[in-house]
Amino acid sequence: MAHYLGLTEADFLKRFTVERGGRIEMKTVNGHCIFYHSEEGCRVHPVKPDRCREWPLHPSILKDPENFEIIRSSCPGFAENLEWEELKKIFIEANHEPLGRDH
């Protein structure tokens, strides 16, 4: 991503990431990834990380109903009346490998 943005790795890390719990994460702005723009979408789409490519079916969505509510509220692709347990059931019945080991 640093190369895509024309930055050194150090500059990229300083400008766009934060360390939390020993992990490096993207900074957020107004609750969204620093690279997300409401009108343009993802500004680094061609080089975005695998976790981002999973969106909105991020593994955390099946692990925790609160994560589901946060993601559902920001993704217009989810039906407003879709419940967490229903999403888990649909996903498993579709013979997909559950996202995360402890869903």
C-alpha atoms as a PDB file:
ATOM      1  CA  MET A   1       0.000   0.000   0.000  1.00  0.00           C
ATOM      2  CA  ALA A   2       2.887   2.342   0.758  1.00  0.00           C
ATOM      3  CA  HIS A   3       4.296   1.832  -2.740  1.00  0.00           C
ATOM      4  CA  TYR A   4       0.843   2.360  -4.288  1.00  0.00           C
ATOM      5  CA  LEU A   5       0.586   5.689  -2.447  1.00  0.00           C
ATOM      6  CA  GLY A   6       4.140   6.701  -3.341  1.00  0.00           C
ATOM      7  CA  LEU A   7       5.318   6.617   0.281  1.00  0.00           C
ATOM      8  CA  THR A   8       8.081   4.916   2.176  1.00  0.00           C
ATOM      9  CA  GLU A   9       6.946   2.182   4.534  1.00  0.00           C
ATOM     10  CA  ALA A  10       7.898   4.352   7.532  1.00  0.00           C
ATOM     11  CA  ASP A  11       5.867   7.315   6.232  1.00  0.00           C
ATOM     12  CA  PHE A  12       2.896   5.088   5.490  1.00  0.00           C
ATOM     13  CA  LEU A  13       2.965   3.565   8.976  1.00  0.00           C
ATOM     14  CA  LYS A  14       3.265   6.972  10.634  1.00  0.00           C
ATOM     15  CA  ARG A  15       0.439   8.592   8.634  1.00  0.00           C
ATOM     16  CA  PHE A  16      -2.088   5.796   8.336  1.00  0.00           C
ATOM     17  CA  THR A  17      -1.641   3.220  11.100  1.00  0.00           C
ATOM     18  CA  VAL A  18      -1.811   2.864  14.858  1.00  0.00           C
ATOM     19  CA  GLU A  19      -0.515   0.114  17.145  1.00  0.00           C
ATOM     20  CA  ARG A  20      -3.112  -1.564  19.364  1.00  0.00           C
ATOM     21  CA  GLY A  21      -2.434  -4.587  21.513  1.00  0.00           C
ATOM     22  CA  GLY A  22       0.764  -5.404  19.652  1.00  0.00           C
ATOM     23  CA  ARG A  23      -0.985  -5.242  16.266  1.00  0.00           C
ATOM     24  CA  ILE A  24      -0.753  -2.624  13.560  1.00  0.00           C
ATOM     25  CA  GLU A  25      -4.175  -1.381  12.443  1.00  0.00           C
ATOM     26  CA  MET A  26      -5.396   1.259  10.044  1.00  0.00           C
ATOM     27  CA  LYS A  27      -6.437   4.503  11.680  1.00  0.00           C
ATOM     28  CA  THR A  28     -10.130   5.314  11.613  1.00  0.00           C
ATOM     29  CA  VAL A  29     -11.921   8.542  10.812  1.00  0.00           C
ATOM     30  CA  ASN A  30     -15.551   8.923  11.899  1.00  0.00           C
ATOM     31  CA  GLY A  31     -15.694   5.197  12.623  1.00  0.00           C
ATOM     32  CA  HIS A  32     -14.413   4.131   9.200  1.00  0.00           C
ATOM     33  CA  CYS A  33     -11.051   3.097   7.803  1.00  0.00           C
ATOM     34  CA  ILE A  34      -8.885   6.103   7.004  1.00  0.00           C
ATOM     35  CA  PHE A  35      -8.946   5.084   3.331  1.00  0.00           C
ATOM     36  CA  TYR A  36     -12.752   4.925   3.067  1.00  0.00           C
ATOM     37  CA  HIS A  37     -14.535   7.867   1.496  1.00  0.00           C
ATOM     38  CA  SER A  38     -18.337   7.943   1.455  1.00  0.00           C
ATOM     39  CA  GLU A  39     -18.512   9.050  -2.186  1.00  0.00           C
ATOM     40  CA  GLU A  40     -15.367   7.467  -3.623  1.00  0.00           C
ATOM     41  CA  GLY A  41     -15.324   4.217  -1.650  1.00  0.00           C
ATOM     42  CA  CYS A  42     -11.946   2.660  -0.878  1.00  0.00           C
ATOM     43  CA  ARG A  43      -9.077   4.876  -1.977  1.00  0.00           C
ATOM     44  CA  VAL A  44      -6.626   1.943  -2.029  1.00  0.00           C
ATOM     45  CA  HIS A  45      -8.985  -0.674  -3.475  1.00  0.00           C
ATOM     46  CA  PRO A  46      -6.486  -2.242  -5.924  1.00  0.00           C
ATOM     47  CA  VAL A  47      -4.039  -2.999  -3.096  1.00  0.00           C
ATOM     48  CA  LYS A  48      -6.255  -3.330  -0.034  1.00  0.00           C
ATOM     49  CA  PRO A  49      -5.447  -6.054   2.526  1.00  0.00           C
ATOM     50  CA  ASP A  50      -7.172  -9.435   2.548  1.00  0.00           C
ATOM     51  CA  ARG A  51      -9.182  -8.555   5.675  1.00  0.00           C
ATOM     52  CA  CYS A  52     -10.635  -5.598   3.817  1.00  0.00           C
ATOM     53  CA  ARG A  53     -11.511  -7.791   0.841  1.00  0.00           C
ATOM     54  CA  GLU A  54     -13.692  -9.878   3.164  1.00  0.00           C
ATOM     55  CA  TRP A  55     -15.892  -6.856   3.913  1.00  0.00           C
ATOM     56  CA  PRO A  56     -18.675  -6.942   4.984  1.00  0.00           C
ATOM     57  CA  LEU A  57     -18.284 -10.619   5.910  1.00  0.00           C
ATOM     58  CA  HIS A  58     -15.387  -9.867   8.197  1.00  0.00           C
ATOM     59  CA  PRO A  59     -14.763 -12.800  10.614  1.00  0.00           C
ATOM     60  CA  SER A  60     -15.787 -10.647  13.570  1.00  0.00           C
ATOM     61  CA  ILE A  61     -19.337 -10.446  12.236  1.00  0.00           C
ATOM     62  CA  LEU A  62     -20.082 -14.059  13.154  1.00  0.00           C
ATOM     63  CA  LYS A  63     -18.271 -13.958  16.486  1.00  0.00           C
ATOM     64  CA  ASP A  64     -20.078 -11.098  18.157  1.00  0.00           C
ATOM     65  CA  PRO A  65     -23.578  -9.636  17.688  1.00  0.00           C
ATOM     66  CA  GLU A  66     -22.268  -6.159  18.503  1.00  0.00           C
ATOM     67  CA  ASN A  67     -19.771  -6.359  15.620  1.00  0.00           C
ATOM     68  CA  PHE A  68     -22.603  -7.533  13.372  1.00  0.00           C
ATOM     69  CA  GLU A  69     -24.701  -4.484  14.325  1.00  0.00           C
ATOM     70  CA  ILE A  70     -21.810  -2.093  13.664  1.00  0.00           C
ATOM     71  CA  ILE A  71     -21.053  -3.595  10.259  1.00  0.00           C
ATOM     72  CA  ARG A  72     -24.720  -3.966   9.298  1.00  0.00           C
ATOM     73  CA  SER A  73     -25.404  -0.321  10.108  1.00  0.00           C
ATOM     74  CA  SER A  74     -22.664   0.814   7.723  1.00  0.00           C
ATOM     75  CA  CYS A  75     -23.322  -1.616   4.868  1.00  0.00           C
ATOM     76  CA  PRO A  76     -26.428  -1.025   2.731  1.00  0.00           C
ATOM     77  CA  GLY A  77     -26.230  -4.606   1.415  1.00  0.00           C
ATOM     78  CA  PHE A  78     -27.703  -6.073   4.596  1.00  0.00           C
ATOM     79  CA  ALA A  79     -31.465  -6.197   4.991  1.00  0.00           C
ATOM     80  CA  GLU A  80     -32.560  -3.974   7.881  1.00  0.00           C
ATOM     81  CA  ASN A  81     -34.446  -6.823   9.530  1.00  0.00           C
ATOM     82  CA  LEU A  82     -31.626  -9.396   9.254  1.00  0.00           C
ATOM     83  CA  GLU A  83     -30.730 -10.765  12.684  1.00  0.00           C
ATOM     84  CA  TRP A  84     -27.303 -12.028  13.775  1.00  0.00           C
ATOM     85  CA  GLU A  85     -28.443 -15.622  14.380  1.00  0.00           C
ATOM     86  CA  GLU A  86     -30.144 -15.681  10.974  1.00  0.00           C
ATOM     87  CA  LEU A  87     -26.968 -14.540   9.215  1.00  0.00           C
ATOM     88  CA  LYS A  88     -24.951 -17.273  10.942  1.00  0.00           C
ATOM     89  CA  LYS A  89     -27.529 -19.906   9.953  1.00  0.00           C
ATOM     90  CA  ILE A  90     -27.663 -18.737   6.316  1.00  0.00           C
ATOM     91  CA  PHE A  91     -23.888 -18.721   6.056  1.00  0.00           C
ATOM     92  CA  ILE A  92     -23.480 -22.211   7.504  1.00  0.00           C
ATOM     93  CA  GLU A  93     -26.387 -23.687   5.477  1.00  0.00           C
ATOM     94  CA  ALA A  94     -24.804 -22.365   2.292  1.00  0.00           C
ATOM     95  CA  ASN A  95     -21.954 -24.823   3.043  1.00  0.00           C
ATOM     96  CA  HIS A  96     -19.443 -22.071   3.475  1.00  0.00           C
ATOM     97  CA  GLU A  97     -16.614 -22.543   5.919  1.00  0.00           C
ATOM     98  CA  PRO A  98     -17.615 -20.522   8.978  1.00  0.00           C
ATOM     99  CA  LEU A  99     -15.678 -17.282   9.303  1.00  0.00           C
ATOM    100  CA  GLY A 100     -13.459 -17.831  12.307  1.00  0.00           C
ATOM    101  CA  ARG A 101     -13.160 -20.998  14.296  1.00  0.00           C
ATOM    102  CA  ASP A 102     -15.348 -20.054  17.231  1.00  0.00           C
ATOM    103  CA  HIS A 103     -18.484 -18.626  15.623  1.00  0.00           C
END
